[in-house]
Structure formats: C-alpha cells, structure tokens
C-alpha cells in the first residue's frame, strides 16, 4: 500500500484510530498510577531475595545436617537427658519422702496398716483410705498439732516451786485452753505476760502470738469425718509447718556471739508473729501485699464430694483456691494446671522478731531445710519500708539490704524503746522481718508426665509460631514485631 492509499484510509477511519490510541493511553496511565511504585517493587524484590539468601545461609551454617544418622543420635541424646532428669526427680522425691514421714503414733496404727495404706496413697497405688483410718486421723491431728508447738520451747508461765507464798500451787501448772504450748498459765503475748506473777515464773525462749497459733489449730479442727483428699492436704500442711518450725529451731541453736548458752535475752528468733502457708498467703508472694483479714483457716472447704484436681495421679482432691502458685508466683485455681508436672509450688510467709545479725543464718536455714524454702521477698519492719533483697556477706556478719537501704540501726531504748504498730517492743538488735517464699513439693515420679506442664506447653507453642512470609513488605514485618509477645517481667526479690 502506497502512502496515498494509507492517508486516504486514515482519513476515512480516523475516528476508530483515535479511539484505539486513547484506550491504550488511558490503560497505561491507570496501571502506572494504581500499581506499586518502582521503589516499592524494588523493596519487595529485595526482601524476597534476602529471605531466600538467609534461608540458604542457615542451611549452610549447619555442619551436620539432620540426616537419618544425626536424627537417631539426637533422639538417643534426648532419651539420655530424659533419663537423667527422671533419675533426679526420683532422687528428690525420695529425699522428700524420707524427710517427711508420718508420726510414729500413726505408723503403729493397726500394726502398720495405716502407714501402708497412706504410702499407697502417696505413690498413687490407691485412691481412698478406709473410714476407720479417716476417723483415726481426725482424732490424731488436733492432738498432734497442739503438742507440736512445744518443740520451739515457747515462753510460758509455770509454777515456781522455790517461790514463797505458793501453798497449794506445787502440783504443777495447768495447761492453757487448747494445749497451746504445753503447761502454761495465761499464755498471752509477751508484752502482757512478762509481768511478775506471784508464785509463777516465765520460762522458754520464743513468744508466739496466741491468735496465730489458734488459727493453725482451727485449720485442723474438723466436725465431721474428713475425706481422703482432706487428710492428704492436712498431712502436707503439717510437713510444711514442721519445716518452718525447724528453720526457726535451728536458727535458735546458737547466739550471734557464738555462745551455746541460749537464753531469752540472746535467742536469735525471739517472737513469731505469724506462720502462714498455702491459700493464707494467696497472691502475697507475687505482689508483696498484706494478707486478707479473712484468710482461710481451713485446709479445704471439702464437704466430702471429691472433685477433679490437678494432681498427676492418685486420689482426687478438692484443692482450695490459691493453695499453690505458678512459676510467676500467681495463685492457681482448683482446676488450673501446674507449671511443672514434677512438683507443686506452695507459698509461705513468716513474720518474726529476730536479732538482725542472725538474718543470714535464718536464710541459710531456709535454703538448707528438709523442705527447702526459696525466698522471694524480704521486708524489714513490714509496713514501714520497701521490699528489699538481702545480700549475704561471706563472713555472715549480718548482711546488707539492697533496694531498701541499709538495715535499721538498733534501738537503744531498752524495754521503754520505740514500739511497733502492734504494741510489741523492739529492743537491742531485734528487728521485725517478713519472709515471703515458696516450698517445692515433689509429686511421685511418673515417666509419662516428665517434662509436661503449662511451661512446657507454652514453650512448645512458641516453637511453632508462624513467621513473616518472605513476600510481605518490610513495613508489615516491622508491625508484626512491634505487636508480638513481650518479655516476661521479673518479680522483685
């Protein structure tokens, strides 16, 4: 076709030619405007290439790739480690059981039948105790608890056979109601009972608030035959209380100067304000707050209907709210899973008057107890200062408090010295200390339960989290990082 013919055709069909050119231009402009910019496309391509190179570099950095032999060796090593952990679990549980036995009086019941039945409960071989054994334990527990306070050599008034004007009183001193501390007259707080009484004298080393002792007794006063689960919880409570009392007793075996002649004037722990365990301390270890005025005194509100609990095996137990805590020291509910299958974590609280030079000794006894106490928080003069962490010196010379300043300087005012809010008197080197901690109570070893619990579940969940797809923009990846889970906060102390 020559030029003249082409020009003639364009003139004839110019409308359609112009329309075609317009459509091409509009479409071109649309795709340029609506599509990603060259810079954005470049960033996307770079992110994709970087993801590919990074994945290749990760593969190249592995010396022995997981072929069949490597996988087999890794599985063998894993099984070996599991065996070591199981062996350690069995050892720790065995030590705990050896250090926490039933009292001899119960071991001898029914020619050892009670002890045998209880051991089967502890190992999960049985789920219930016979009713006669439940009735036996109900009668035993309150008597045993009443007599347990005597181990600390509590302060008490006794008849003085050498005193004048005590005719008719020489037959010994009557016991206080409820048997609080043995042969006691009065038995009130030291500030009130240190007064001279005609014909009596005050003996013993440690004052213990009567109201606090009564709370412990009330915890074990049952008006009906307990369930098997309630008996197990009560015995666990007894072991924990005995561990705390042993810590105090061992601390009191020597004076700050090393003298073995321990008297009321130089005994390290002179007064017990409170010993609290389990749900009584619920929430305090994590927050450091004060206990509620209406804390639970009963080991359980169990009325006989046993419900689902969280024990790996054995009897079904109705756990009180907050009896145990998780790995962040937060209270667990009755049906909550424990962080570790190997043990339960019970909170404890001690508030004592102690010669501050013996605080390192007290903390060492906590760590070396037959049921070790892991100290989480320490408060000096509770209510008057901040929580502190105590840094022990190698020489054991009293230590230094970190976070709350140095320890309070000793009062020099004698019995007329400064008084605490509750009316008790601070004297000499004595200071009120509050210890919040936890005790680890090991469960019977079970290979199937090894390495389970909420902590293991959370760790497994973190290992399967989805990663940012390689074709996602860098901006989107940054947003994901910003909204991801944060680092866990550490509890002070």
Protein backbone atom coordinates (compact mmCIF):
# COMPACT_ATOMS: atom_id res chain seq x y z
CA UNK A 1 0.00 0.00 0.00
CA UNK A 2 1.36 3.35 -1.03
CA UNK A 3 1.32 6.50 1.05
CA UNK A 4 -1.63 7.98 -0.72
CA UNK A 5 -3.79 4.95 -0.07
CA UNK A 6 -2.70 4.91 3.66
CA UNK A 7 -3.56 8.56 4.09
CA UNK A 8 -6.92 8.01 2.43
CA UNK A 9 -7.66 5.09 4.81
CA UNK A 10 -6.70 7.12 7.90
CA UNK A 11 -8.93 9.96 6.79
CA UNK A 12 -11.79 7.57 6.24
CA UNK A 13 -11.35 5.69 9.57
CA UNK A 14 -9.71 8.42 11.71
CA UNK A 15 -12.31 8.08 14.47
CA UNK A 16 -11.52 4.45 15.15
CA UNK A 17 -7.79 5.04 15.03
CA UNK A 18 -8.03 7.89 17.53
CA UNK A 19 -10.22 5.80 19.81
CA UNK A 20 -7.69 2.96 19.88
CA UNK A 21 -4.83 5.30 20.75
CA UNK A 22 -6.92 6.89 23.55
CA UNK A 23 -7.74 3.49 25.08
CA UNK A 24 -4.07 2.46 25.12
CA UNK A 25 -3.09 5.76 26.78
CA UNK A 26 -5.83 5.52 29.45
CA UNK A 27 -4.93 1.95 30.33
CA UNK A 28 -1.26 2.82 30.52
CA UNK A 29 -1.92 5.76 32.82
CA UNK A 30 -4.21 3.62 35.03
CA UNK A 31 -1.64 0.86 35.57
CA UNK A 32 1.11 3.36 36.28
CA UNK A 33 -0.98 5.21 38.87
CA UNK A 34 -2.58 2.21 40.62
CA UNK A 35 0.38 -0.17 40.62
CA UNK A 36 3.30 -0.14 43.09
CA UNK A 37 5.97 2.39 42.57
CA UNK A 38 9.31 1.33 41.27
CA UNK A 39 10.85 1.87 44.71
CA UNK A 40 8.20 -0.26 46.42
CA UNK A 41 8.60 -3.02 43.91
CA UNK A 42 12.35 -2.86 44.38
CA UNK A 43 11.97 -3.16 48.19
CA UNK A 44 9.68 -6.14 47.81
CA UNK A 45 12.09 -7.87 45.46
CA UNK A 46 15.00 -7.14 47.83
CA UNK A 47 13.07 -8.55 50.81
CA UNK A 48 12.26 -11.70 48.85
CA UNK A 49 15.87 -12.17 47.76
CA UNK A 50 17.14 -11.53 51.31
CA UNK A 51 14.76 -14.14 52.74
CA UNK A 52 16.00 -16.68 50.21
CA UNK A 53 19.67 -15.91 50.92
CA UNK A 54 19.07 -16.05 54.69
CA UNK A 55 17.43 -19.45 54.47
CA UNK A 56 20.30 -20.74 52.36
CA UNK A 57 22.84 -19.31 54.81
CA UNK A 58 21.07 -21.04 57.72
CA UNK A 59 21.33 -24.35 55.91
CA UNK A 60 24.98 -23.77 55.05
CA UNK A 61 25.86 -22.93 58.68
CA UNK A 62 24.80 -26.38 59.92
CA UNK A 63 27.78 -28.71 60.00
CA UNK A 64 25.89 -31.97 60.30
CA UNK A 65 22.57 -31.84 58.57
CA UNK A 66 19.74 -33.87 60.11
CA UNK A 67 20.06 -36.97 58.06
CA UNK A 68 19.00 -40.32 59.41
CA UNK A 69 22.16 -40.87 61.49
CA UNK A 70 22.10 -37.39 63.03
CA UNK A 71 18.41 -37.70 63.90
CA UNK A 72 18.99 -41.07 65.53
CA UNK A 73 21.89 -39.72 67.61
CA UNK A 74 19.83 -36.70 68.65
CA UNK A 75 16.96 -38.97 69.75
CA UNK A 76 19.39 -41.08 71.79
CA UNK A 77 20.79 -37.96 73.49
CA UNK A 78 17.28 -36.73 74.24
CA UNK A 79 16.34 -40.05 75.83
CA UNK A 80 19.55 -39.97 77.86
CA UNK A 81 18.74 -36.48 79.16
CA UNK A 82 15.19 -37.53 79.99
CA UNK A 83 16.59 -40.47 81.92
CA UNK A 84 18.88 -38.14 83.89
CA UNK A 85 16.01 -35.81 84.70
CA UNK A 86 13.79 -38.72 85.74
CA UNK A 87 16.58 -40.03 87.97
CA UNK A 88 16.94 -36.60 89.59
CA UNK A 89 13.17 -36.41 90.08
CA UNK A 90 13.17 -39.82 91.75
CA UNK A 91 16.07 -38.78 94.00
CA UNK A 92 14.46 -35.51 95.08
CA UNK A 93 11.13 -37.18 95.71
CA UNK A 94 12.84 -39.96 97.66
CA UNK A 95 14.67 -37.43 99.85
CA UNK A 96 11.43 -35.55 100.47
CA UNK A 97 9.59 -38.72 101.48
CA UNK A 98 12.45 -39.82 103.72
CA UNK A 99 12.49 -36.44 105.46
CA UNK A 100 8.73 -36.23 105.86
CA UNK A 101 7.34 -39.35 107.42
CA UNK A 102 4.12 -39.99 109.26
CA UNK A 103 4.44 -39.55 113.04
CA UNK A 104 5.32 -42.78 114.83
CA UNK A 105 1.92 -42.93 116.52
CA UNK A 106 0.25 -43.23 113.11
CA UNK A 107 2.83 -45.65 111.75
CA UNK A 108 1.91 -48.09 114.52
CA UNK A 109 -1.85 -47.91 113.98
CA UNK A 110 -3.35 -51.28 113.01
CA UNK A 111 0.09 -52.94 113.17
CA UNK A 112 1.39 -50.70 110.43
CA UNK A 113 -1.76 -50.95 108.32
CA UNK A 114 -2.37 -47.20 108.38
CA UNK A 115 1.17 -46.44 107.25
CA UNK A 116 0.96 -48.97 104.42
CA UNK A 117 -2.36 -47.55 103.22
CA UNK A 118 -1.02 -43.99 103.37
CA UNK A 119 2.10 -44.90 101.39
CA UNK A 120 -0.09 -46.35 98.64
CA UNK A 121 -1.96 -43.07 98.52
CA UNK A 122 1.28 -41.12 98.18
CA UNK A 123 2.52 -43.28 95.30
CA UNK A 124 -0.83 -43.34 93.50
CA UNK A 125 -1.42 -47.06 94.02
CA UNK A 126 -4.63 -46.34 95.96
CA UNK A 127 -7.23 -43.58 95.86
CA UNK A 128 -9.00 -43.82 99.22
CA UNK A 129 -8.39 -44.55 102.90
CA UNK A 130 -10.68 -46.84 104.85
CA UNK A 131 -13.20 -44.98 107.02
CA UNK A 132 -11.60 -46.29 110.22
CA UNK A 133 -8.30 -44.70 109.15
CA UNK A 134 -10.04 -41.41 108.36
CA UNK A 135 -11.57 -41.42 111.83
CA UNK A 136 -8.19 -42.25 113.35
CA UNK A 137 -6.55 -39.33 111.60
CA UNK A 138 -9.33 -36.97 112.67
CA UNK A 139 -8.66 -37.82 116.31
CA UNK A 140 -4.91 -37.72 115.88
CA UNK A 141 -4.44 -34.43 114.07
CA UNK A 142 -5.69 -31.96 116.66
CA UNK A 143 -3.76 -33.60 119.50
CA UNK A 144 -0.57 -33.69 117.44
CA UNK A 145 -0.87 -30.06 116.39
CA UNK A 146 -1.47 -28.94 119.99
CA UNK A 147 1.71 -30.66 121.13
CA UNK A 148 3.82 -29.56 118.15
CA UNK A 149 4.33 -26.03 119.45
CA UNK A 150 6.39 -27.32 122.39
CA UNK A 151 9.29 -28.09 120.05
CA UNK A 152 10.10 -24.37 119.90
CA UNK A 153 10.31 -24.02 123.70
CA UNK A 154 7.62 -21.35 123.81
CA UNK A 155 7.51 -18.74 126.55
CA UNK A 156 5.05 -19.72 129.28
CA UNK A 157 4.30 -19.19 132.95
CA UNK A 158 4.95 -22.18 135.21
CA UNK A 159 4.64 -22.68 138.93
CA UNK A 160 7.83 -21.68 140.72
CA UNK A 161 8.46 -24.31 143.41
CA UNK A 162 11.02 -22.01 145.06
CA UNK A 163 8.69 -19.03 145.35
CA UNK A 164 7.23 -18.07 148.72
CA UNK A 165 3.50 -17.84 149.30
CA UNK A 166 2.61 -20.54 146.77
CA UNK A 167 0.99 -23.05 149.09
CA UNK A 168 -1.28 -25.37 147.20
CA UNK A 169 0.27 -24.49 143.87
CA UNK A 170 3.02 -27.07 143.89
CA UNK A 171 1.12 -29.63 141.90
CA UNK A 172 2.28 -28.19 138.58
CA UNK A 173 0.75 -25.65 136.25
CA UNK A 174 -2.46 -26.27 134.37
CA UNK A 175 -2.38 -26.23 130.62
CA UNK A 176 -3.81 -23.36 128.67
CA UNK A 177 -7.08 -23.97 126.81
CA UNK A 178 -6.45 -25.90 123.62
CA UNK A 179 -2.99 -27.04 124.73
CA UNK A 180 -1.18 -24.06 123.25
CA UNK A 181 2.41 -24.68 124.13
CA UNK A 182 2.10 -27.17 126.95
CA UNK A 183 1.90 -26.30 130.66
CA UNK A 184 1.02 -22.64 130.50
CA UNK A 185 -0.68 -20.14 132.74
CA UNK A 186 -2.18 -17.33 130.73
CA UNK A 187 -0.22 -17.72 127.53
CA UNK A 188 -0.83 -14.20 126.25
CA UNK A 189 1.63 -12.01 124.33
CA UNK A 190 4.97 -11.32 125.90
CA UNK A 191 4.26 -7.63 126.42
CA UNK A 192 1.39 -8.54 128.72
CA UNK A 193 2.64 -11.77 130.29
CA UNK A 194 6.17 -10.68 131.20
CA UNK A 195 4.74 -9.05 134.31
CA UNK A 196 5.77 -10.69 137.56
CA UNK A 197 3.12 -13.04 138.91
CA UNK A 198 3.18 -14.29 142.45
CA UNK A 199 4.21 -17.92 142.69
CA UNK A 200 5.00 -18.35 138.98
CA UNK A 201 7.94 -17.79 136.72
CA UNK A 202 8.26 -17.30 132.98
CA UNK A 203 10.35 -19.86 131.11
CA UNK A 204 11.04 -20.67 127.48
CA UNK A 205 12.70 -18.87 124.58
CA UNK A 206 10.14 -17.92 121.93
CA UNK A 207 6.93 -15.91 122.10
CA UNK A 208 4.31 -16.88 119.56
CA UNK A 209 1.15 -14.86 119.05
CA UNK A 210 -1.69 -16.85 120.60
CA UNK A 211 -4.12 -15.76 117.88
CA UNK A 212 -1.80 -17.08 115.18
CA UNK A 213 -1.40 -20.44 116.92
CA UNK A 214 -5.16 -20.67 117.28
CA UNK A 215 -5.57 -20.14 113.54
CA UNK A 216 -3.32 -23.13 112.91
CA UNK A 217 -5.32 -25.25 115.35
CA UNK A 218 -8.61 -24.16 113.78
CA UNK A 219 -7.24 -25.26 110.40
CA UNK A 220 -7.28 -28.87 111.65
CA UNK A 221 -10.47 -28.87 113.73
CA UNK A 222 -12.97 -30.93 111.77
CA UNK A 223 -16.55 -31.50 112.88
CA UNK A 224 -17.08 -34.45 110.53
CA UNK A 225 -15.03 -37.34 109.28
CA UNK A 226 -12.62 -35.97 106.63
CA UNK A 227 -12.32 -37.25 103.09
CA UNK A 228 -9.17 -38.93 101.84
CA UNK A 229 -8.20 -35.80 99.94
CA UNK A 230 -8.58 -33.65 103.04
CA UNK A 231 -6.32 -35.97 105.03
CA UNK A 232 -3.63 -35.75 102.35
CA UNK A 233 -3.80 -31.95 102.30
CA UNK A 234 -3.67 -31.81 106.10
CA UNK A 235 -0.60 -34.02 106.26
CA UNK A 236 1.08 -31.90 103.60
CA UNK A 237 0.27 -28.83 105.71
CA UNK A 238 1.81 -30.49 108.77
CA UNK A 239 5.03 -31.21 106.94
CA UNK A 240 5.27 -27.61 105.74
CA UNK A 241 4.54 -26.18 109.20
CA UNK A 242 7.12 -28.52 110.72
CA UNK A 243 9.68 -27.41 108.12
CA UNK A 244 9.10 -23.75 109.04
CA UNK A 245 9.36 -24.51 112.76
CA UNK A 246 12.58 -26.48 112.18
CA UNK A 247 14.04 -23.45 110.40
CA UNK A 248 13.34 -21.31 113.47
CA UNK A 249 14.50 -24.01 115.88
CA UNK A 250 17.80 -24.49 114.02
CA UNK A 251 18.37 -20.73 113.84
CA UNK A 252 17.96 -20.59 117.62
CA UNK A 253 20.63 -23.19 118.33
CA UNK A 254 23.34 -20.56 118.72
CA UNK A 255 23.62 -16.90 119.59
CA UNK A 256 25.08 -14.09 117.42
CA UNK A 257 28.27 -14.21 119.50
CA UNK A 258 28.64 -17.98 119.05
CA UNK A 259 27.72 -18.83 122.63
CA UNK A 260 25.79 -22.06 123.11
CA UNK A 261 24.09 -20.69 126.23
CA UNK A 262 20.88 -19.52 124.56
CA UNK A 263 18.55 -17.51 126.77
CA UNK A 264 15.51 -15.35 126.16
CA UNK A 265 17.77 -12.30 126.22
CA UNK A 266 20.01 -13.51 123.37
CA UNK A 267 17.91 -16.03 121.42
CA UNK A 268 18.05 -15.17 117.69
CA UNK A 269 14.34 -15.52 116.90
CA UNK A 270 12.53 -14.17 119.92
CA UNK A 271 8.99 -13.78 118.66
CA UNK A 272 6.77 -15.34 115.99
CA UNK A 273 4.08 -13.01 114.75
CA UNK A 274 2.75 -15.39 112.12
CA UNK A 275 3.45 -18.54 110.14
CA UNK A 276 1.17 -18.81 107.12
CA UNK A 277 1.04 -21.25 104.24
CA UNK A 278 -0.88 -22.07 101.08
CA UNK A 279 -4.12 -20.16 100.45
CA UNK A 280 -3.48 -17.98 103.53
CA UNK A 281 -0.67 -16.32 101.53
CA UNK A 282 -2.52 -16.35 98.21
CA UNK A 283 -1.24 -13.55 95.97
CA UNK A 284 1.21 -12.14 98.51
CA UNK A 285 4.40 -13.68 97.10
CA UNK A 286 3.86 -12.07 93.70
CA UNK A 287 2.65 -8.68 94.93
CA UNK A 288 4.17 -8.36 98.39
CA UNK A 289 0.76 -7.19 99.65
CA UNK A 290 -0.70 -7.82 103.08
CA UNK A 291 -2.78 -10.86 103.85
CA UNK A 292 -6.53 -10.50 103.93
CA UNK A 293 -8.13 -10.23 107.33
CA UNK A 294 -10.47 -13.11 106.49
CA UNK A 295 -7.91 -15.57 105.16
CA UNK A 296 -9.00 -19.19 105.01
CA UNK A 297 -8.24 -21.12 108.19
CA UNK A 298 -9.44 -24.49 106.97
CA UNK A 299 -7.25 -26.71 104.86
CA UNK A 300 -10.17 -27.11 102.48
CA UNK A 301 -13.86 -26.46 102.26
CA UNK A 302 -14.26 -30.07 101.22
CA UNK A 303 -17.61 -31.48 102.33
CA UNK A 304 -17.00 -34.97 101.10
CA UNK A 305 -17.67 -34.63 97.38
CA UNK A 306 -14.29 -35.11 95.77
CA UNK A 307 -13.84 -33.16 92.54
CA UNK A 308 -11.33 -33.05 89.75
CA UNK A 309 -7.94 -31.78 90.85
CA UNK A 310 -4.59 -31.21 89.21
CA UNK A 311 -2.52 -33.97 90.81
CA UNK A 312 -0.90 -36.20 88.15
CA UNK A 313 -2.26 -39.39 89.69
CA UNK A 314 -3.66 -40.78 92.92
CA UNK A 315 -6.68 -39.61 94.91
CA UNK A 316 -8.94 -36.90 93.56
CA UNK A 317 -8.56 -33.82 95.78
CA UNK A 318 -10.64 -30.69 96.23
CA UNK A 319 -7.89 -28.05 96.16
CA UNK A 320 -8.64 -24.69 97.80
CA UNK A 321 -8.32 -21.59 95.65
CA UNK A 322 -4.76 -20.27 95.77
CA UNK A 323 -3.24 -23.20 97.65
CA UNK A 324 -0.45 -23.35 95.08
CA UNK A 325 1.11 -20.78 92.75
CA UNK A 326 2.51 -20.86 89.23
CA UNK A 327 6.05 -20.11 88.09
CA UNK A 328 5.29 -16.36 88.32
CA UNK A 329 4.07 -16.78 91.92
CA UNK A 330 0.48 -16.06 90.89
CA UNK A 331 -2.25 -18.11 92.64
CA UNK A 332 -3.65 -21.16 90.88
CA UNK A 333 -7.31 -22.11 90.90
CA UNK A 334 -8.54 -25.58 91.91
CA UNK A 335 -8.69 -26.76 88.29
CA UNK A 336 -5.67 -24.89 86.94
CA UNK A 337 -2.78 -26.91 85.56
CA UNK A 338 0.56 -26.61 87.34
CA UNK A 339 3.57 -25.15 85.53
CA UNK A 340 5.60 -28.33 86.05
CA UNK A 341 4.42 -31.92 86.43
CA UNK A 342 7.37 -32.76 88.66
CA UNK A 343 6.31 -30.59 91.60
CA UNK A 344 3.78 -28.20 93.07
CA UNK A 345 4.73 -24.76 94.41
CA UNK A 346 3.26 -23.71 97.77
CA UNK A 347 3.61 -20.12 99.06
CA UNK A 348 4.66 -19.42 102.65
CA UNK A 349 5.00 -16.37 104.88
CA UNK A 350 6.93 -15.88 108.13
CA UNK A 351 6.92 -12.73 110.22
CA UNK A 352 9.42 -12.85 113.08
CA UNK A 353 11.32 -10.69 115.54
CA UNK A 354 14.98 -11.61 115.06
CA UNK A 355 18.39 -10.34 116.06
CA UNK A 356 19.35 -8.80 112.74
CA UNK A 357 22.86 -10.22 112.96
CA UNK A 358 21.26 -13.67 112.57
CA UNK A 359 19.28 -12.93 109.40
CA UNK A 360 21.92 -14.67 107.20
CA UNK A 361 21.65 -17.72 109.46
CA UNK A 362 17.85 -17.72 109.11
CA UNK A 363 18.09 -17.50 105.32
CA UNK A 364 20.68 -20.27 105.23
CA UNK A 365 18.34 -22.47 107.25
CA UNK A 366 15.56 -21.71 104.76
CA UNK A 367 17.76 -22.94 101.91
CA UNK A 368 19.04 -25.97 103.83
CA UNK A 369 15.68 -27.10 105.18
CA UNK A 370 14.40 -30.62 104.61
CA UNK A 371 11.72 -28.88 102.58
CA UNK A 372 13.80 -26.01 101.17
CA UNK A 373 12.22 -22.55 101.16
CA UNK A 374 13.06 -20.38 98.17
CA UNK A 375 12.91 -16.83 99.50
CA UNK A 376 11.19 -14.45 97.06
CA UNK A 377 10.75 -11.28 99.12
CA UNK A 378 12.09 -9.87 102.37
CA UNK A 379 10.58 -6.95 104.22
CA UNK A 380 12.29 -5.33 107.19
CA UNK A 381 9.87 -3.66 109.61
CA UNK A 382 6.81 -4.51 107.45
CA UNK A 383 4.59 -1.53 106.83
CA UNK A 384 7.40 0.95 107.42
CA UNK A 385 9.59 0.43 104.37
CA UNK A 386 10.03 -1.11 100.94
CA UNK A 387 10.64 -4.71 99.96
CA UNK A 388 14.35 -5.49 99.86
CA UNK A 389 16.68 -8.14 98.55
CA UNK A 390 19.21 -9.21 101.13
CA UNK A 391 22.80 -9.65 100.01
CA UNK A 392 24.60 -12.02 102.33
CA UNK A 393 28.24 -11.44 103.18
CA UNK A 394 30.69 -14.30 103.18
CA UNK A 395 31.54 -13.68 106.82
CA UNK A 396 27.91 -13.88 107.88
CA UNK A 397 28.14 -10.54 109.66
CA UNK A 398 24.52 -9.54 109.18
CA UNK A 399 24.41 -8.73 105.51
CA UNK A 400 23.23 -5.66 103.65
CA UNK A 401 19.81 -4.88 102.30
CA UNK A 402 19.69 -3.88 98.65
CA UNK A 403 16.86 -1.81 97.26
CA UNK A 404 15.68 -0.56 100.63
CA UNK A 405 18.81 0.92 102.13
CA UNK A 406 20.88 -0.43 104.99
CA UNK A 407 19.18 -2.26 107.80
CA UNK A 408 17.62 -0.18 110.54
CA UNK A 409 20.04 0.82 113.25
CA UNK A 410 19.35 -0.99 116.51
CA UNK A 411 17.14 0.66 119.09
CA UNK A 412 18.95 1.62 122.28
CA UNK A 413 15.95 2.45 124.39
CA UNK A 414 15.57 -0.90 126.17
CA UNK A 415 12.06 -2.08 127.07
CA UNK A 416 10.95 1.55 127.01
CA UNK A 417 12.18 1.89 123.44
CA UNK A 418 10.26 2.54 120.28
CA UNK A 419 7.11 0.47 119.80
CA UNK A 420 5.79 -1.16 116.65
CA UNK A 421 2.21 -0.61 115.48
CA UNK A 422 1.00 -3.83 117.15
CA UNK A 423 2.33 -2.74 120.54
CA UNK A 424 5.24 -5.18 120.77
CA UNK A 425 8.51 -3.59 121.89
CA UNK A 426 11.71 -3.54 119.83
CA UNK A 427 14.81 -3.95 121.95
CA UNK A 428 18.53 -4.11 121.25
CA UNK A 429 19.43 -5.61 117.89
CA UNK A 430 15.99 -7.08 117.28
CA UNK A 431 14.07 -6.24 114.13
CA UNK A 432 10.83 -7.49 112.60
CA UNK A 433 11.39 -9.39 109.37
CA UNK A 434 8.83 -10.76 106.94
CA UNK A 435 9.85 -13.55 104.57
CA UNK A 436 7.69 -14.45 101.58
CA UNK A 437 8.75 -17.55 99.72
CA UNK A 438 7.74 -20.86 98.20
CA UNK A 439 8.26 -24.51 99.00
CA UNK A 440 8.54 -27.09 96.22
CA UNK A 441 6.52 -30.24 96.91
CA UNK A 442 7.53 -33.08 94.60
CA UNK A 443 4.95 -35.38 93.04
CA UNK A 444 5.52 -39.14 92.71
CA UNK A 445 7.82 -39.71 89.70
CA UNK A 446 5.97 -40.63 86.53
CA UNK A 447 7.90 -41.02 83.27
CA UNK A 448 4.79 -40.27 81.21
CA UNK A 449 4.42 -36.89 82.97
CA UNK A 450 8.09 -35.96 82.63
CA UNK A 451 8.59 -32.57 81.03
CA UNK A 452 4.89 -31.71 80.89
CA UNK A 453 3.00 -28.80 82.45
CA UNK A 454 1.97 -25.34 81.32
CA UNK A 455 5.56 -24.11 80.96
CA UNK A 456 6.40 -26.92 78.54
CA UNK A 457 3.16 -26.30 76.64
CA UNK A 458 3.94 -22.60 76.28
CA UNK A 459 7.49 -23.37 75.12
CA UNK A 460 6.15 -25.80 72.52
CA UNK A 461 3.66 -23.17 71.34
CA UNK A 462 6.40 -20.59 70.91
CA UNK A 463 8.38 -23.03 68.78
CA UNK A 464 5.52 -23.39 66.30
CA UNK A 465 4.67 -19.70 65.86
CA UNK A 466 4.25 -18.60 62.22
CA UNK A 467 6.98 -16.46 60.76
CA UNK A 468 6.54 -13.46 58.43
CA UNK A 469 6.10 -14.64 54.82
CA UNK A 470 9.05 -13.61 52.60
CA UNK A 471 6.79 -11.69 50.17
CA UNK A 472 5.40 -9.46 52.92
CA UNK A 473 6.58 -5.87 52.90
CA UNK A 474 9.20 -4.75 55.43
CA UNK A 475 6.64 -2.36 56.93
CA UNK A 476 4.27 -5.24 57.67
CA UNK A 477 7.07 -7.28 59.18
CA UNK A 478 8.00 -4.38 61.47
CA UNK A 479 4.38 -4.07 62.64
CA UNK A 480 4.30 -7.76 63.47
CA UNK A 481 7.43 -7.42 65.56
CA UNK A 482 6.01 -4.48 67.46
CA UNK A 483 2.82 -6.34 68.40
CA UNK A 484 4.46 -9.64 69.31
CA UNK A 485 4.65 -11.03 72.85
CA UNK A 486 6.80 -9.02 75.24
CA UNK A 487 9.47 -10.24 77.61
CA UNK A 488 8.15 -11.58 80.94
CA UNK A 489 8.61 -9.23 83.88
CA UNK A 490 10.73 -10.36 86.79
CA UNK A 491 9.24 -10.43 90.30
CA UNK A 492 11.26 -8.30 92.70
CA UNK A 493 13.22 -10.47 95.05
